[in-house]
């Protein structure tokens, strides 16, 4: 990643921790959990209900 003027190179320092949030239909939940378990080496899967999703720019609601 190059930042600023000149030839200085900035190397961001990140830890090995990531957060991935998925908002999916209820009927795809089990498939998503299975895929994550097959491809992740460690971490937690937390499943919580999603009451409503609203896209700010388009105004679409929920699965629209």
C-alpha atoms as a PDB file:
ATOM      1  CA  UNK A   1       0.000   0.000   0.000  1.00  0.00           C
ATOM      2  CA  UNK A   2       1.473   3.303  -1.053  1.00  0.00           C
ATOM      3  CA  UNK A   3       0.366   6.367   0.876  1.00  0.00           C
ATOM      4  CA  UNK A   4       1.285  10.003   0.678  1.00  0.00           C
ATOM      5  CA  UNK A   5       3.848  11.694  -1.540  1.00  0.00           C
ATOM      6  CA  UNK A   6       7.278  10.378  -2.325  1.00  0.00           C
ATOM      7  CA  UNK A   7       8.576   6.850  -2.192  1.00  0.00           C
ATOM      8  CA  UNK A   8       7.683   5.906   1.387  1.00  0.00           C
ATOM      9  CA  UNK A   9       5.806   2.594   1.625  1.00  0.00           C
ATOM     10  CA  UNK A  10       3.312   2.115   4.440  1.00  0.00           C
ATOM     11  CA  UNK A  11       2.850  -1.451   5.653  1.00  0.00           C
ATOM     12  CA  UNK A  12      -0.294  -1.787   7.780  1.00  0.00           C
ATOM     13  CA  UNK A  13       0.006  -3.965  10.868  1.00  0.00           C
ATOM     14  CA  UNK A  14      -2.993  -6.249  11.277  1.00  0.00           C
ATOM     15  CA  UNK A  15      -3.572  -9.027  13.729  1.00  0.00           C
ATOM     16  CA  UNK A  16      -4.854 -12.449  12.715  1.00  0.00           C
ATOM     17  CA  UNK A  17      -8.347 -11.623  13.986  1.00  0.00           C
ATOM     18  CA  UNK A  18     -11.153 -10.957  11.556  1.00  0.00           C
ATOM     19  CA  UNK A  19     -14.894 -10.520  11.856  1.00  0.00           C
ATOM     20  CA  UNK A  20     -17.114 -11.705   9.017  1.00  0.00           C
ATOM     21  CA  UNK A  21     -20.811 -10.841   9.128  1.00  0.00           C
ATOM     22  CA  UNK A  22     -23.282 -12.619   6.883  1.00  0.00           C
ATOM     23  CA  UNK A  23     -26.908 -11.658   6.459  1.00  0.00           C
ATOM     24  CA  UNK A  24     -28.685 -14.517   4.724  1.00  0.00           C
ATOM     25  CA  UNK A  25     -32.136 -16.047   4.421  1.00  0.00           C
ATOM     26  CA  UNK A  26     -33.122 -18.423   7.215  1.00  0.00           C
ATOM     27  CA  UNK A  27     -33.311 -21.363   4.800  1.00  0.00           C
ATOM     28  CA  UNK A  28     -29.614 -20.915   3.827  1.00  0.00           C
ATOM     29  CA  UNK A  29     -28.328 -20.739   7.417  1.00  0.00           C
ATOM     30  CA  UNK A  30     -27.327 -24.403   7.754  1.00  0.00           C
ATOM     31  CA  UNK A  31     -25.486 -24.380   4.410  1.00  0.00           C
ATOM     32  CA  UNK A  32     -23.553 -21.253   5.383  1.00  0.00           C
ATOM     33  CA  UNK A  33     -22.561 -22.734   8.746  1.00  0.00           C
ATOM     34  CA  UNK A  34     -21.360 -25.925   7.050  1.00  0.00           C
ATOM     35  CA  UNK A  35     -19.235 -23.993   4.526  1.00  0.00           C
ATOM     36  CA  UNK A  36     -17.646 -21.885   7.259  1.00  0.00           C
ATOM     37  CA  UNK A  37     -16.847 -24.961   9.358  1.00  0.00           C
ATOM     38  CA  UNK A  38     -15.234 -26.681   6.371  1.00  0.00           C
ATOM     39  CA  UNK A  39     -12.990 -23.740   5.473  1.00  0.00           C
ATOM     40  CA  UNK A  40     -12.148 -22.057   8.792  1.00  0.00           C
ATOM     41  CA  UNK A  41      -9.393 -23.330  11.050  1.00  0.00           C
ATOM     42  CA  UNK A  42     -10.524 -21.590  14.250  1.00  0.00           C
ATOM     43  CA  UNK A  43     -12.982 -19.053  15.579  1.00  0.00           C
ATOM     44  CA  UNK A  44     -16.616 -18.852  16.574  1.00  0.00           C
ATOM     45  CA  UNK A  45     -19.884 -18.886  14.647  1.00  0.00           C
ATOM     46  CA  UNK A  46     -22.540 -16.764  16.322  1.00  0.00           C
ATOM     47  CA  UNK A  47     -26.076 -16.971  14.938  1.00  0.00           C
ATOM     48  CA  UNK A  48     -28.519 -14.214  15.855  1.00  0.00           C
ATOM     49  CA  UNK A  49     -31.899 -13.291  14.388  1.00  0.00           C
ATOM     50  CA  UNK A  50     -32.112 -10.419  11.959  1.00  0.00           C
ATOM     51  CA  UNK A  51     -35.370  -8.510  12.312  1.00  0.00           C
ATOM     52  CA  UNK A  52     -35.105  -6.109   9.356  1.00  0.00           C
ATOM     53  CA  UNK A  53     -32.545  -5.032   6.783  1.00  0.00           C
ATOM     54  CA  UNK A  54     -33.007  -1.786   4.900  1.00  0.00           C
ATOM     55  CA  UNK A  55     -30.708  -0.651   2.092  1.00  0.00           C
ATOM     56  CA  UNK A  56     -30.215   3.068   2.638  1.00  0.00           C
ATOM     57  CA  UNK A  57     -29.506   4.016  -0.985  1.00  0.00           C
ATOM     58  CA  UNK A  58     -32.272   1.995  -2.664  1.00  0.00           C
ATOM     59  CA  UNK A  59     -34.811   1.724   0.144  1.00  0.00           C
ATOM     60  CA  UNK A  60     -35.173  -2.038  -0.408  1.00  0.00           C
ATOM     61  CA  UNK A  61     -36.377  -3.918   2.648  1.00  0.00           C
ATOM     62  CA  UNK A  62     -35.356  -7.399   3.852  1.00  0.00           C
ATOM     63  CA  UNK A  63     -34.743  -9.914   1.013  1.00  0.00           C
ATOM     64  CA  UNK A  64     -35.753  -7.477  -1.757  1.00  0.00           C
END
